[in-house]
Amino acid sequence: MTMRRGSRRTAVVAVALGAAVVLHTQTAAAEPYPYGFPDGTRNVEGASGPGGAPTLAADETYRSTIAAGQKLHYRVELDAGSAAYVSAVALPRLDDRVAFGDGLELWLENADGGRCGSDSSGFGSADYPRPLVASVERLVEQGSTRCQAAGTYTVVVGREEGGRAASRESWDLELDFVNEPALKGASPSATPSAAAPGAGSLPEGTAKERQGGTSFHDAAAIGAGAWRGRVEPGRTLFYKVPVDWGQRLAAEAELTGTGGKGAVGAALRLGLHNPARAEVTAEQPTLSGTGVTAALEGVPAVAYENRLASAPKVKGMRFAGAYYLQVTLSPELAEKYGDKPLDVTLRVGVEGAASDGPPYAGDPGIFQVEGQDGQAGGVGQGTGRDGGMQAVAAVGIGLGTALVPVS
């Protein structure tokens, strides 16, 4: 789903969760997952071991491929003061067979081969091809000696195999590396509350249309409100919501108009990712009637000290910036309702007044809200370093795949 900002209307409050693209294939080859890479994306080939691993520069986006069972190595240069975040997005092909246990593993190693952190993302028993996202971090922590030194670190990306039923086609891979500057003075040491907050309030009323993007780079900028669009079964749409320090996000996605033609497992998936792309939480309910709703509840307000928590839902809400909503429909819906786009309504709430953030010693970059309210932006606009990019290079360009916007 590559959307060009210049060719889209940026109507006031609208989210067309949807069918902004139609893919046409000219060959019988497996169809790549529609995902918009930004202009200037660099192609890179991972190494089989630390020796000869290519270096990933901060604030750059890289594209690679990974085969079943493969482990790829890359390098990053870290200083002794900044927190560092490396993310990987794996893109199975649209018609790939995925099995329980298929997935992506990501970890960071120091010069001695010790693990600094790890993350993984995989498919469930009723799952289907969709972008898998993993994000790993290196935090600078007072009193700690593990992975605190400046120098060369190794990023390892592994593709896990779940079983014989899974496809062995190579997956496209996106890699991204960002730094978060140190604070002036001591970091907050207060332990975040372990109590889960209640459900956040969501707006009611008639939803307005806004077209979604195909990736983190061209995600549609939205704010608090009700938004409506159409999503093709088997496809994923991305949206980004600016959330500042002290603010709390709530969201739900509702699939309607399915006519009650039988149950579909994991029919709708709604995931939330923070500015470093780490998954905060996700819901993937079954369709058993005429509609289904995925609601993200119990997400705390953004606070620097949340990084000290162990629960992902708290730990992920650690900095201001663009938070991403990832909406996917099961391809099985096409078997019951046809491959036409289906109506999805997205309701987003942002509670609380923005507060002053921590005193960073340098430019916080993507970890800030830059005056965007999500009301006037379009695809690819809003908070984050990708806001000024035009995401035009989609998976499949040059492989017989064309992306055509639907007016």
Protein backbone atom coordinates (compact mmCIF):
# COMPACT_ATOMS: atom_id res chain seq x y z
CA MET A 1 0.00 0.00 0.00
CA THR A 2 2.14 2.80 -1.17
CA MET A 3 0.27 6.08 -0.92
CA ARG A 4 1.61 9.27 -2.42
CA ARG A 5 0.77 12.29 -0.33
CA GLY A 6 0.56 14.56 -3.33
CA SER A 7 -2.15 12.45 -4.92
CA ARG A 8 -4.38 12.24 -1.84
CA ARG A 9 -7.02 14.61 -0.62
CA THR A 10 -6.27 15.62 2.95
CA ALA A 11 -9.88 16.18 3.91
CA VAL A 12 -10.39 17.30 7.43
CA VAL A 13 -11.18 14.35 9.66
CA ALA A 14 -11.04 11.23 7.64
CA VAL A 15 -9.55 7.76 7.76
CA ALA A 16 -10.23 5.52 4.88
CA LEU A 17 -8.91 2.46 6.58
CA GLY A 18 -8.54 1.12 3.45
CA ALA A 19 -8.65 0.08 0.03
CA ALA A 20 -6.50 2.81 -1.25
CA VAL A 21 -4.60 0.45 -3.41
CA VAL A 22 -5.34 -2.26 -5.89
CA LEU A 23 -2.56 -4.68 -6.71
CA HIS A 24 -2.21 -6.10 -10.22
CA THR A 25 0.23 -8.91 -10.89
CA GLN A 26 1.70 -9.57 -14.28
CA THR A 27 3.24 -12.92 -13.39
CA ALA A 28 2.22 -16.02 -11.49
CA ALA A 29 4.95 -15.44 -8.94
CA ALA A 30 4.08 -15.11 -5.25
CA GLU A 31 2.70 -11.67 -4.55
CA PRO A 32 4.83 -9.47 -2.26
CA TYR A 33 3.13 -7.95 0.77
CA PRO A 34 2.19 -4.35 -0.07
CA TYR A 35 4.39 -2.20 2.17
CA GLY A 36 5.64 1.31 1.42
CA PHE A 37 9.38 1.79 1.81
CA PRO A 38 10.51 5.43 1.88
CA ASP A 39 12.48 7.12 -0.86
CA GLY A 40 16.20 6.52 -0.32
CA THR A 41 15.83 3.12 1.34
CA ARG A 42 19.17 1.31 1.15
CA ASN A 43 19.44 -2.34 0.13
CA VAL A 44 21.71 -4.32 2.44
CA GLU A 45 22.68 -7.98 2.68
CA GLY A 46 23.09 -9.42 6.15
CA ALA A 47 26.12 -11.57 6.97
CA SER A 48 26.05 -15.15 8.24
CA GLY A 49 28.18 -14.14 11.22
CA PRO A 50 29.55 -11.04 12.99
CA GLY A 51 32.56 -10.93 10.71
CA GLY A 52 31.79 -8.89 7.62
CA ALA A 53 28.42 -7.72 8.92
CA PRO A 54 27.31 -4.46 7.25
CA THR A 55 26.89 -1.34 9.38
CA LEU A 56 23.46 0.25 9.86
CA ALA A 57 23.55 4.03 10.27
CA ALA A 58 21.18 5.79 12.65
CA ASP A 59 18.07 7.43 11.16
CA GLU A 60 18.33 5.41 7.95
CA THR A 61 15.98 2.73 6.62
CA TYR A 62 17.36 -0.49 5.14
CA ARG A 63 15.80 -3.26 3.09
CA SER A 64 16.94 -6.86 3.07
CA THR A 65 15.56 -10.41 2.71
CA ILE A 66 15.64 -13.37 5.06
CA ALA A 67 15.18 -17.05 4.23
CA ALA A 68 13.50 -19.70 6.39
CA GLY A 69 15.76 -20.70 9.28
CA GLN A 70 18.33 -18.02 8.45
CA LYS A 71 20.17 -15.77 10.91
CA LEU A 72 21.50 -12.47 9.59
CA HIS A 73 24.06 -10.19 11.26
CA TYR A 74 24.42 -6.40 11.08
CA ARG A 75 26.44 -3.85 13.03
CA VAL A 76 25.53 -0.62 14.79
CA GLU A 77 27.84 1.92 16.42
CA LEU A 78 26.58 3.02 19.86
CA ASP A 79 27.83 5.80 22.10
CA ALA A 80 27.98 5.61 25.88
CA GLY A 81 25.14 8.04 26.59
CA SER A 82 22.22 7.48 24.23
CA ALA A 83 19.56 4.81 24.37
CA ALA A 84 19.42 2.86 21.10
CA TYR A 85 16.54 1.10 19.38
CA VAL A 86 16.73 -1.25 16.40
CA SER A 87 13.56 -2.56 14.76
CA ALA A 88 12.91 -5.19 12.12
CA VAL A 89 9.75 -5.61 10.03
CA ALA A 90 9.35 -8.99 8.29
CA LEU A 91 7.00 -9.19 5.31
CA PRO A 92 5.74 -12.63 4.29
CA ARG A 93 4.25 -12.80 0.81
CA LEU A 94 0.49 -12.40 0.55
CA ASP A 95 -0.11 -16.05 -0.38
CA ASP A 96 2.47 -17.57 1.97
CA ARG A 97 1.38 -20.36 4.29
CA VAL A 98 2.23 -19.45 7.85
CA ALA A 99 2.15 -21.89 10.76
CA PHE A 100 2.07 -21.60 14.52
CA GLY A 101 5.61 -20.78 15.64
CA ASP A 102 6.72 -19.11 12.42
CA GLY A 103 8.20 -15.80 13.35
CA LEU A 104 10.93 -13.25 13.70
CA GLU A 105 13.54 -12.99 16.46
CA LEU A 106 15.76 -9.98 17.01
CA TRP A 107 18.58 -9.49 19.48
CA LEU A 108 21.51 -7.17 20.19
CA GLU A 109 24.97 -8.39 21.22
CA ASN A 110 27.97 -6.55 22.65
CA ALA A 111 31.55 -7.04 21.50
CA ASP A 112 31.91 -10.08 23.80
CA GLY A 113 28.84 -11.79 22.35
CA GLY A 114 26.68 -11.08 25.40
CA ARG A 115 23.02 -10.32 24.77
CA CYS A 116 21.92 -6.78 25.57
CA GLY A 117 18.26 -7.40 24.79
CA SER A 118 15.93 -9.38 22.58
CA ASP A 119 12.43 -9.39 21.13
CA SER A 120 10.34 -11.70 18.99
CA SER A 121 7.12 -11.67 16.99
CA GLY A 122 5.34 -14.71 15.61
CA PHE A 123 2.18 -16.17 14.14
CA GLY A 124 -0.58 -17.84 16.14
CA SER A 125 -2.60 -20.94 15.32
CA ALA A 126 -5.30 -19.09 13.33
CA ASP A 127 -2.96 -16.51 11.84
CA TYR A 128 -2.16 -15.32 8.32
CA PRO A 129 0.54 -13.35 6.49
CA ARG A 130 0.95 -9.82 7.86
CA PRO A 131 3.86 -7.57 8.85
CA LEU A 132 5.74 -8.94 11.86
CA VAL A 133 7.54 -6.31 13.95
CA ALA A 134 10.28 -6.79 16.55
CA SER A 135 12.22 -4.05 18.34
CA VAL A 136 15.28 -4.35 20.57
CA GLU A 137 16.85 -1.74 22.84
CA ARG A 138 20.06 -0.79 24.61
CA LEU A 139 19.36 1.46 27.60
CA VAL A 140 22.01 3.39 29.50
CA GLU A 141 21.32 2.56 33.14
CA GLN A 142 22.94 4.00 36.23
CA GLY A 143 24.93 1.38 38.11
CA SER A 144 24.79 -1.16 35.30
CA THR A 145 27.84 -2.49 33.48
CA ARG A 146 26.10 -4.68 30.89
CA CYS A 147 26.17 -3.26 27.36
CA GLN A 148 26.97 0.26 28.58
CA ALA A 149 30.21 0.92 26.70
CA ALA A 150 30.53 2.82 23.46
CA GLY A 151 31.53 0.72 20.48
CA THR A 152 30.37 -1.75 17.86
CA TYR A 153 27.37 -3.92 18.64
CA THR A 154 25.90 -6.74 16.55
CA VAL A 155 22.23 -6.94 15.56
CA VAL A 156 21.06 -10.49 14.82
CA VAL A 157 17.81 -11.15 12.94
CA GLY A 158 16.55 -14.73 12.95
CA ARG A 159 13.62 -16.30 11.16
CA GLU A 160 12.02 -19.08 13.16
CA GLU A 161 10.22 -22.00 11.49
CA GLY A 162 7.01 -23.34 12.95
CA GLY A 163 6.55 -26.53 10.98
CA ARG A 164 6.35 -28.30 7.64
CA ALA A 165 3.05 -26.63 6.74
CA ALA A 166 4.76 -23.25 6.51
CA SER A 167 6.03 -21.73 3.29
CA ARG A 168 9.78 -21.50 2.82
CA GLU A 169 9.67 -18.44 0.56
CA SER A 170 12.06 -15.64 1.52
CA TRP A 171 10.56 -12.69 3.38
CA ASP A 172 11.30 -9.05 2.71
CA LEU A 173 12.85 -7.32 5.70
CA GLU A 174 13.03 -3.70 6.81
CA LEU A 175 15.61 -2.52 9.36
CA ASP A 176 15.59 0.77 11.24
CA PHE A 177 17.92 2.20 13.91
CA VAL A 178 17.34 5.30 16.06
CA ASN A 179 18.98 6.88 19.11
CA GLU A 180 17.28 8.59 22.06
CA PRO A 181 19.51 11.24 23.66
CA ALA A 182 20.50 11.12 27.29
CA LEU A 183 18.84 13.38 29.85
CA LYS A 184 20.37 16.40 31.48
CA GLY A 185 21.04 15.22 34.99
CA ALA A 186 19.78 12.03 36.62
CA SER A 187 17.05 9.94 35.03
CA PRO A 188 13.72 9.53 36.86
CA SER A 189 13.85 6.52 39.16
CA ALA A 190 10.23 6.32 40.29
CA THR A 191 8.69 2.91 39.68
CA PRO A 192 5.62 3.12 37.43
CA SER A 193 2.31 2.03 38.91
CA ALA A 194 1.56 -1.67 38.56
CA ALA A 195 -2.19 -1.05 38.61
CA ALA A 196 -3.79 -1.30 35.18
CA PRO A 197 -5.75 1.82 34.26
CA GLY A 198 -9.39 1.43 33.32
CA ALA A 199 -10.75 1.61 29.82
CA GLY A 200 -10.17 4.98 28.17
CA SER A 201 -13.02 7.03 26.77
CA LEU A 202 -13.67 6.80 23.03
CA PRO A 203 -15.49 9.30 20.82
CA GLU A 204 -18.96 8.50 19.56
CA GLY A 205 -20.87 9.83 16.60
CA THR A 206 -20.50 9.59 12.86
CA ALA A 207 -17.10 8.53 11.64
CA LYS A 208 -15.22 10.56 9.06
CA GLU A 209 -13.04 9.12 6.33
CA ARG A 210 -9.25 9.05 6.25
CA GLN A 211 -7.10 6.86 4.06
CA GLY A 212 -4.58 4.64 5.77
CA GLY A 213 -0.98 4.09 4.76
CA THR A 214 0.82 0.86 3.96
CA SER A 215 3.74 1.10 6.37
CA PHE A 216 5.24 2.97 9.30
CA HIS A 217 6.63 5.48 6.80
CA ASP A 218 3.43 6.53 5.05
CA ALA A 219 1.06 5.97 7.96
CA ALA A 220 -1.90 8.35 7.91
CA ALA A 221 -1.74 11.01 10.62
CA ILE A 222 -4.90 11.10 12.74
CA GLY A 223 -5.93 12.42 16.14
CA ALA A 224 -8.75 11.82 18.58
CA GLY A 225 -11.97 11.10 16.72
CA ALA A 226 -13.99 8.53 14.81
CA TRP A 227 -12.63 7.47 11.45
CA ARG A 228 -13.99 5.14 8.80
CA GLY A 229 -12.56 3.31 5.85
CA ARG A 230 -12.46 0.11 3.86
CA VAL A 231 -9.86 -2.64 4.10
CA GLU A 232 -9.30 -5.53 1.72
CA PRO A 233 -9.09 -8.97 3.41
CA GLY A 234 -5.48 -9.96 3.94
CA ARG A 235 -4.17 -6.38 3.90
CA THR A 236 -2.79 -4.07 6.60
CA LEU A 237 -3.28 -0.33 7.07
CA PHE A 238 -1.14 1.95 9.25
CA TYR A 239 -2.15 5.11 11.14
CA LYS A 240 -0.19 7.31 13.53
CA VAL A 241 -1.46 9.31 16.47
CA PRO A 242 0.63 11.99 18.23
CA VAL A 243 0.67 11.30 21.97
CA ASP A 244 2.54 13.70 24.24
CA TRP A 245 3.98 13.35 27.74
CA GLY A 246 1.20 12.77 30.27
CA GLN A 247 -1.37 11.82 27.64
CA ARG A 248 -3.14 8.48 27.39
CA LEU A 249 -4.25 6.69 24.23
CA ALA A 250 -7.29 4.46 23.73
CA ALA A 251 -8.42 2.89 20.46
CA GLU A 252 -10.78 0.34 18.98
CA ALA A 253 -11.44 -0.95 15.48
CA GLU A 254 -14.84 -2.35 14.46
CA LEU A 255 -15.57 -4.51 11.42
CA THR A 256 -19.23 -4.30 10.40
CA GLY A 257 -21.54 -5.34 7.60
CA THR A 258 -20.31 -8.93 7.35
CA GLY A 259 -23.79 -10.43 7.24
CA GLY A 260 -23.28 -13.30 9.66
CA LYS A 261 -22.01 -15.96 7.25
CA GLY A 262 -20.11 -17.93 9.85
CA ALA A 263 -17.19 -17.58 12.23
CA VAL A 264 -13.74 -16.40 11.15
CA GLY A 265 -10.87 -16.81 13.60
CA ALA A 266 -8.66 -13.77 14.19
CA ALA A 267 -10.78 -11.87 11.69
CA LEU A 268 -9.57 -8.40 12.72
CA ARG A 269 -6.25 -7.46 14.28
CA LEU A 270 -5.49 -4.10 15.90
CA GLY A 271 -1.95 -3.51 17.14
CA LEU A 272 -0.33 -0.52 18.85
CA HIS A 273 3.37 0.32 18.35
CA ASN A 274 5.40 3.08 19.99
CA PRO A 275 7.68 5.53 18.12
CA ALA A 276 10.56 3.01 18.25
CA ARG A 277 8.09 0.46 16.75
CA ALA A 278 8.00 -1.84 19.77
CA GLU A 279 4.58 -3.45 20.06
CA VAL A 280 2.73 -2.12 23.11
CA THR A 281 -0.38 -4.31 22.85
CA ALA A 282 -2.62 -6.01 20.28
CA GLU A 283 -6.02 -7.66 20.02
CA GLN A 284 -7.10 -10.22 17.42
CA PRO A 285 -10.71 -11.33 18.08
CA THR A 286 -12.83 -13.89 16.23
CA LEU A 287 -15.78 -12.86 14.08
CA SER A 288 -18.80 -14.91 15.19
CA GLY A 289 -21.76 -12.76 14.12
CA THR A 290 -22.38 -9.72 11.97
CA GLY A 291 -19.45 -7.74 13.31
CA VAL A 292 -16.38 -7.81 15.54
CA THR A 293 -14.51 -5.20 17.62
CA ALA A 294 -10.85 -5.13 18.69
CA ALA A 295 -10.31 -2.76 21.63
CA LEU A 296 -6.99 -1.66 23.12
CA GLU A 297 -7.67 -0.98 26.80
CA GLY A 298 -5.61 -0.40 29.91
CA VAL A 299 -2.86 1.58 28.18
CA PRO A 300 -1.20 4.00 30.67
CA ALA A 301 -0.29 7.63 30.12
CA VAL A 302 3.07 8.36 28.50
CA ALA A 303 5.84 8.73 31.11
CA TYR A 304 9.62 8.44 30.92
CA GLU A 305 9.74 6.11 33.94
CA ASN A 306 7.45 3.59 32.21
CA ARG A 307 10.62 2.08 30.71
CA LEU A 308 11.37 0.65 34.16
CA ALA A 309 8.24 -1.53 34.07
CA SER A 310 8.21 -5.18 33.02
CA ALA A 311 4.76 -5.31 31.40
CA PRO A 312 4.99 -4.46 27.66
CA LYS A 313 1.76 -2.45 27.82
CA VAL A 314 3.38 -0.11 30.38
CA LYS A 315 7.01 -0.33 29.25
CA GLY A 316 6.10 0.62 25.69
CA MET A 317 4.50 3.94 26.66
CA ARG A 318 7.86 5.49 27.51
CA PHE A 319 8.20 8.50 25.23
CA ALA A 320 6.23 11.15 23.38
CA GLY A 321 5.84 10.95 19.62
CA ALA A 322 3.85 9.11 16.98
CA TYR A 323 2.14 5.95 18.15
CA TYR A 324 1.16 3.60 15.34
CA LEU A 325 -2.09 1.69 14.91
CA GLN A 326 -1.80 -1.34 12.65
CA VAL A 327 -5.12 -2.69 11.29
CA THR A 328 -5.27 -6.05 9.48
CA LEU A 329 -8.15 -8.18 8.14
CA SER A 330 -7.95 -11.94 7.76
CA PRO A 331 -7.76 -13.19 4.16
CA GLU A 332 -10.36 -15.81 5.15
CA LEU A 333 -12.96 -13.04 5.08
CA ALA A 334 -12.62 -13.00 1.28
CA GLU A 335 -13.77 -16.64 1.14
CA LYS A 336 -17.05 -15.76 2.83
CA TYR A 337 -17.69 -12.21 1.68
CA GLY A 338 -15.65 -11.86 -1.49
CA ASP A 339 -12.39 -9.99 -1.96
CA LYS A 340 -14.04 -6.57 -1.94
CA PRO A 341 -12.97 -4.06 0.74
CA LEU A 342 -14.92 -4.19 4.01
CA ASP A 343 -16.02 -1.34 6.27
CA VAL A 344 -13.89 -0.69 9.35
CA THR A 345 -14.48 2.06 11.89
CA LEU A 346 -11.58 3.24 14.03
CA ARG A 347 -12.28 5.22 17.20
CA VAL A 348 -9.36 6.96 18.89
CA GLY A 349 -9.23 8.78 22.20
CA VAL A 350 -6.34 10.86 23.57
CA GLU A 351 -6.91 11.86 27.19
CA GLY A 352 -5.15 14.44 29.31
CA ALA A 353 -3.27 17.65 28.74
CA ALA A 354 0.28 17.50 27.42
CA SER A 355 2.92 18.04 30.10
CA ASP A 356 6.56 19.07 29.96
CA GLY A 357 8.83 16.26 28.92
CA PRO A 358 12.15 15.25 30.46
CA PRO A 359 15.14 17.53 29.81
CA TYR A 360 16.95 15.81 26.94
CA ALA A 361 20.58 16.72 26.41
CA GLY A 362 20.09 16.75 22.64
CA ASP A 363 17.43 16.83 19.95
CA PRO A 364 14.82 14.19 20.85
CA GLY A 365 14.10 13.59 17.16
CA ILE A 366 11.13 11.25 16.75
CA PHE A 367 10.56 11.19 20.51
CA GLN A 368 8.50 14.36 20.60
CA VAL A 369 5.24 15.79 19.29
CA GLU A 370 5.95 18.53 16.80
CA GLY A 371 2.71 20.49 16.80
CA GLN A 372 0.70 17.94 14.79
CA ASP A 373 -2.91 17.37 15.82
CA GLY A 374 -3.83 14.71 13.29
CA GLN A 375 -6.71 16.74 11.92
CA ALA A 376 -5.28 18.21 8.75
CA GLY A 377 -2.50 15.82 7.79
CA GLY A 378 -2.73 13.11 5.17
CA VAL A 379 -0.84 9.97 4.37
CA GLY A 380 2.78 10.26 5.43
CA GLN A 381 2.31 13.48 7.39
CA GLY A 382 2.58 14.06 11.12
CA THR A 383 4.98 13.39 13.95
CA GLY A 384 8.21 11.50 13.24
CA ARG A 385 11.21 11.61 10.97
CA ASP A 386 9.24 9.94 8.17
CA GLY A 387 6.69 12.77 8.14
CA GLY A 388 8.62 14.61 5.45
CA MET A 389 9.24 11.54 3.31
CA GLN A 390 7.28 10.44 0.32
CA ALA A 391 6.96 6.69 0.56
CA VAL A 392 6.96 5.58 -3.03
CA ALA A 393 8.99 2.37 -3.09
CA ALA A 394 6.66 -0.50 -2.27
CA VAL A 395 7.49 -4.14 -1.97
CA GLY A 396 6.99 -5.61 -5.39
CA ILE A 397 7.91 -2.62 -7.52
CA GLY A 398 10.06 -4.09 -10.27
CA LEU A 399 8.53 -7.54 -9.69
CA GLY A 400 5.46 -7.11 -11.83
CA THR A 401 3.35 -5.47 -9.16
CA ALA A 402 1.66 -2.11 -9.60
CA LEU A 403 0.01 -0.07 -6.89
CA VAL A 404 -3.01 1.86 -8.10
CA PRO A 405 -4.86 4.32 -5.82
CA VAL A 406 -8.62 4.00 -5.72
CA SER A 407 -10.34 7.34 -6.03
